[in-house]
Each structure stands twice: as C-alpha cells, then as structure tokens.
Amino acid sequence: MNNQDAIISRRMIIEGVVGIVMLVLAFFAIAASDVSANATHAFWTALVVLFAVVAFVVDRLYPDHRLGDPRRSICIGLHWLSVFIAIQLVYFFVSAGRMANADMGLSNGLILALGTFIGGVYGNWRLIVAGVALGLATAGVAFVEQYLWILSGIALLAILALLFGSRLIRRVRNR
C-alpha cells in the first residue's frame, strides 16, 4: 500500500465514522421527538447546523468541489438555511396548534432527509446516501412501532453503500 492508498483508506474510515455519527444523531432526534417533541427543539437546531458544517467540509475535501468559488459557498449556505427555516416552521406550526406534537419528529426527519439528499445531488454523493437512509428511517418510524431494528438495519445498509461507493470511485480513478 502506497501513501496515496493510505490517505484514501483513512479518508474512507473518517467518512464512514462521520456518516455513522450523522445517522445516529438524526435517528436519535427522530426517536426522541416521538417521546418529547418540545424538548428536542435545540437538538434539531444543532443537528441542522452540524449537517450544514459536514456539507461544507465534505465539499471542501474533494478536488472537484472547492469552496474557492463564493457562489458555491453561498448556495450551500442558502440550502442549509432553508432546511433550518423549514424545521423552525414545524415548531411554529406546533406551537400555533396547526400541527400535532406527535408529527413533529416525522416532519423534521423528512425535512432533514430531503435537505441532505438534495445537498448530495448538488454536492457530494455521500450526502445522497445519508438522505436516503434518513428518509427510509423516517418512514420506518412512521409505520412500525418497534423501530429500533429498522433504524439499525438502515444504518448498516447506508454504511455499506458508503464503503462500496468509495471503493468503486477509487477503482475508477486508479484506471
């Protein structure tokens, strides 16, 4: 293994760990909102900020996506600002009595999933995988009462997709 392969392997490990942490935190937020919706407001807010930071960092790590272009940075910032505002609107709707407390976690999970997926479409493909996993997890929580096993399975599939995708891209680039 040469130095370039070691760097790629370390990067793959870091990406996998970051992906796992993002998914676990989002799964926790969805589950916690199911128990106590109003107590999770700060957590959802911090989660959107974390996902935005990860999107900026992931965009910066790859040579074909540089933040040197201020328009790209503004687009990423506006994208995550809109996700943030949408989640804040869910809390506003609940406090105004226009939406049930029980629906808050599902709505926020869906907003975060869609925001992550679209961020991946215009940015890095790894966010697409995380967005799909979050969307599936939100759907699983909506339809299954004992959803811990579904969340675990979805997280495992997302991790495998990230690892497989990274290896596939590495092989294509080495040709």
Protein backbone atom coordinates (compact mmCIF):
# COMPACT_ATOMS: atom_id res chain seq x y z
CA MET A 1 0.00 0.00 0.00
CA ASN A 2 1.49 3.30 -1.03
CA ASN A 3 1.00 6.65 0.65
CA GLN A 4 -1.91 7.60 -1.65
CA ASP A 5 -3.78 4.37 -0.78
CA ALA A 6 -3.22 5.01 2.94
CA ILE A 7 -4.66 8.52 2.61
CA ILE A 8 -7.67 7.16 0.71
CA SER A 9 -8.20 4.43 3.31
CA ARG A 10 -8.02 6.94 6.17
CA ARG A 11 -10.42 9.21 4.33
CA MET A 12 -12.84 6.30 3.82
CA ILE A 13 -12.69 5.46 7.53
CA ILE A 14 -13.27 9.09 8.52
CA GLU A 15 -16.18 9.38 6.05
CA GLY A 16 -17.70 6.19 7.44
CA VAL A 17 -17.42 7.39 11.03
CA VAL A 18 -18.85 10.82 10.18
CA GLY A 19 -21.70 9.16 8.29
CA ILE A 20 -22.47 6.86 11.20
CA VAL A 21 -22.45 9.76 13.68
CA MET A 22 -24.76 11.82 11.44
CA LEU A 23 -27.21 8.95 11.07
CA VAL A 24 -27.17 8.01 14.75
CA LEU A 25 -27.78 11.62 15.82
CA ALA A 26 -30.62 12.01 13.33
CA PHE A 27 -32.16 8.66 14.35
CA PHE A 28 -31.92 9.73 17.97
CA ALA A 29 -33.64 13.04 17.18
CA ILE A 30 -36.48 11.27 15.38
CA ALA A 31 -36.93 8.81 18.25
CA ALA A 32 -36.64 11.50 20.95
CA SER A 33 -39.21 13.66 19.16
CA ASP A 34 -41.59 10.73 19.32
CA VAL A 35 -41.28 10.81 23.13
CA SER A 36 -40.95 14.54 23.88
CA ALA A 37 -41.34 16.80 20.88
CA ASN A 38 -40.85 20.21 22.50
CA ALA A 39 -37.72 19.16 24.41
CA THR A 40 -35.91 18.38 21.13
CA HIS A 41 -36.06 21.87 19.57
CA ALA A 42 -32.47 22.77 20.44
CA PHE A 43 -31.26 19.32 19.38
CA TRP A 44 -32.89 19.60 15.94
CA THR A 45 -31.46 23.09 15.53
CA ALA A 46 -27.96 21.88 16.40
CA LEU A 47 -28.41 18.87 14.10
CA VAL A 48 -29.15 21.08 11.09
CA VAL A 49 -26.10 23.20 11.87
CA LEU A 50 -23.98 20.03 12.16
CA PHE A 51 -25.26 18.70 8.82
CA ALA A 52 -24.50 22.09 7.20
CA VAL A 53 -20.95 22.06 8.56
CA VAL A 54 -20.46 18.50 7.33
CA ALA A 55 -21.76 19.52 3.89
CA PHE A 56 -19.23 22.39 3.74
CA VAL A 57 -16.37 20.16 4.90
CA VAL A 58 -17.24 17.31 2.53
CA ASP A 59 -17.46 19.79 -0.31
CA ARG A 60 -14.02 21.16 0.59
CA LEU A 61 -12.32 17.74 0.83
CA TYR A 62 -12.65 16.76 -2.80
CA PRO A 63 -10.63 18.37 -5.58
CA ASP A 64 -13.59 18.62 -7.95
CA HIS A 65 -15.56 20.59 -5.34
CA ARG A 66 -13.70 23.61 -3.98
CA LEU A 67 -15.11 26.36 -1.83
CA GLY A 68 -12.90 28.88 -3.61
CA ASP A 69 -15.94 29.79 -5.67
CA PRO A 70 -18.00 32.07 -3.40
CA ARG A 71 -21.18 31.28 -5.36
CA ARG A 72 -20.87 27.62 -4.36
CA SER A 73 -20.44 28.56 -0.69
CA ILE A 74 -23.46 30.85 -0.87
CA CYS A 75 -25.56 28.10 -2.48
CA ILE A 76 -24.61 25.60 0.24
CA GLY A 77 -25.29 28.17 2.95
CA LEU A 78 -28.69 29.14 1.49
CA HIS A 79 -29.63 25.49 1.09
CA TRP A 80 -28.99 24.67 4.74
CA LEU A 81 -30.53 27.96 5.88
CA SER A 82 -33.73 26.88 4.12
CA VAL A 83 -33.63 23.49 5.87
CA PHE A 84 -33.14 25.31 9.18
CA ILE A 85 -36.09 27.63 8.50
CA ALA A 86 -38.33 24.73 7.48
CA ILE A 87 -37.61 22.92 10.75
CA GLN A 88 -38.25 26.11 12.71
CA LEU A 89 -41.57 26.46 10.88
CA VAL A 90 -42.57 22.98 12.06
CA TYR A 91 -42.07 24.12 15.66
CA PHE A 92 -44.05 27.29 14.91
CA PHE A 93 -46.94 25.24 13.47
CA VAL A 94 -46.99 23.03 16.57
CA SER A 95 -46.95 25.99 18.96
CA ALA A 96 -49.76 27.63 16.96
CA GLY A 97 -51.83 24.46 17.25
CA ARG A 98 -51.84 23.80 13.48
CA MET A 99 -49.86 20.57 13.79
CA ALA A 100 -49.81 17.75 16.33
CA ASN A 101 -46.82 17.23 18.64
CA ALA A 102 -46.61 13.60 17.58
CA ASP A 103 -45.96 14.59 13.96
CA MET A 104 -43.02 16.87 14.73
CA GLY A 105 -40.27 14.25 14.67
CA LEU A 106 -41.54 12.74 11.42
CA SER A 107 -41.82 16.15 9.77
CA ASN A 108 -38.37 17.23 10.92
CA GLY A 109 -36.88 13.89 9.90
CA LEU A 110 -38.39 14.20 6.45
CA ILE A 111 -37.18 17.80 6.05
CA LEU A 112 -33.66 16.83 7.12
CA ALA A 113 -33.70 13.77 4.85
CA LEU A 114 -34.82 15.79 1.84
CA GLY A 115 -32.34 18.57 2.60
CA THR A 116 -29.50 16.08 2.95
CA PHE A 117 -30.47 14.25 -0.24
CA ILE A 118 -30.73 17.46 -2.29
CA GLY A 119 -27.46 18.69 -0.77
CA GLY A 120 -25.90 15.49 -2.10
CA VAL A 121 -27.40 15.93 -5.56
CA TYR A 122 -25.70 19.31 -5.90
CA GLY A 123 -22.67 18.45 -3.77
CA ASN A 124 -21.19 15.15 -2.74
CA TRP A 125 -22.86 11.80 -3.44
CA ARG A 126 -22.27 10.66 0.16
CA LEU A 127 -24.98 13.05 1.31
CA ILE A 128 -27.40 11.32 -1.07
CA VAL A 129 -26.82 8.05 0.79
CA ALA A 130 -27.36 9.74 4.15
CA GLY A 131 -30.51 11.46 2.86
CA VAL A 132 -31.99 8.21 1.57
CA ALA A 133 -31.16 6.47 4.86
CA LEU A 134 -32.83 9.27 6.84
CA GLY A 135 -35.89 9.17 4.60
CA LEU A 136 -36.22 5.40 5.00
CA ALA A 137 -35.72 5.71 8.75
CA THR A 138 -38.43 8.35 8.98
CA ALA A 139 -40.81 6.15 7.00
CA GLY A 140 -39.92 3.18 9.20
CA VAL A 141 -40.64 5.12 12.37
CA ALA A 142 -43.98 6.24 10.93
CA PHE A 143 -45.20 2.71 10.23
CA VAL A 144 -43.51 0.42 12.72
CA GLU A 145 -43.95 0.65 16.49
CA GLN A 146 -40.68 -1.14 17.39
CA TYR A 147 -38.44 0.79 15.01
CA LEU A 148 -35.01 0.29 16.62
CA TRP A 149 -34.25 -2.73 14.44
CA ILE A 150 -35.30 -0.89 11.31
CA LEU A 151 -33.04 2.06 12.19
CA SER A 152 -30.13 -0.31 12.84
CA GLY A 153 -30.68 -2.10 9.53
CA ILE A 154 -30.93 1.14 7.59
CA ALA A 155 -27.75 2.46 9.23
CA LEU A 156 -25.92 -0.75 8.30
CA LEU A 157 -27.11 -0.53 4.68
CA ALA A 158 -26.07 3.12 4.48
CA ILE A 159 -22.60 2.33 5.82
CA LEU A 160 -22.20 -0.48 3.31
CA ALA A 161 -23.34 1.83 0.49
CA LEU A 162 -20.81 4.48 1.55
CA LEU A 163 -17.97 1.95 1.70
CA PHE A 164 -18.92 0.31 -1.60
CA GLY A 165 -19.28 3.69 -3.32
CA SER A 166 -15.91 4.89 -2.04
CA ARG A 167 -14.17 1.73 -3.21
CA LEU A 168 -15.86 1.89 -6.59
CA ILE A 169 -14.82 5.50 -7.12
CA ARG A 170 -11.26 4.69 -6.03
CA ARG A 171 -11.08 1.85 -8.56
CA VAL A 172 -12.42 4.03 -11.37
CA ARG A 173 -9.91 6.79 -10.60
CA ASN A 174 -6.98 4.35 -10.47
CA ARG A 175 -7.65 3.09 -14.02
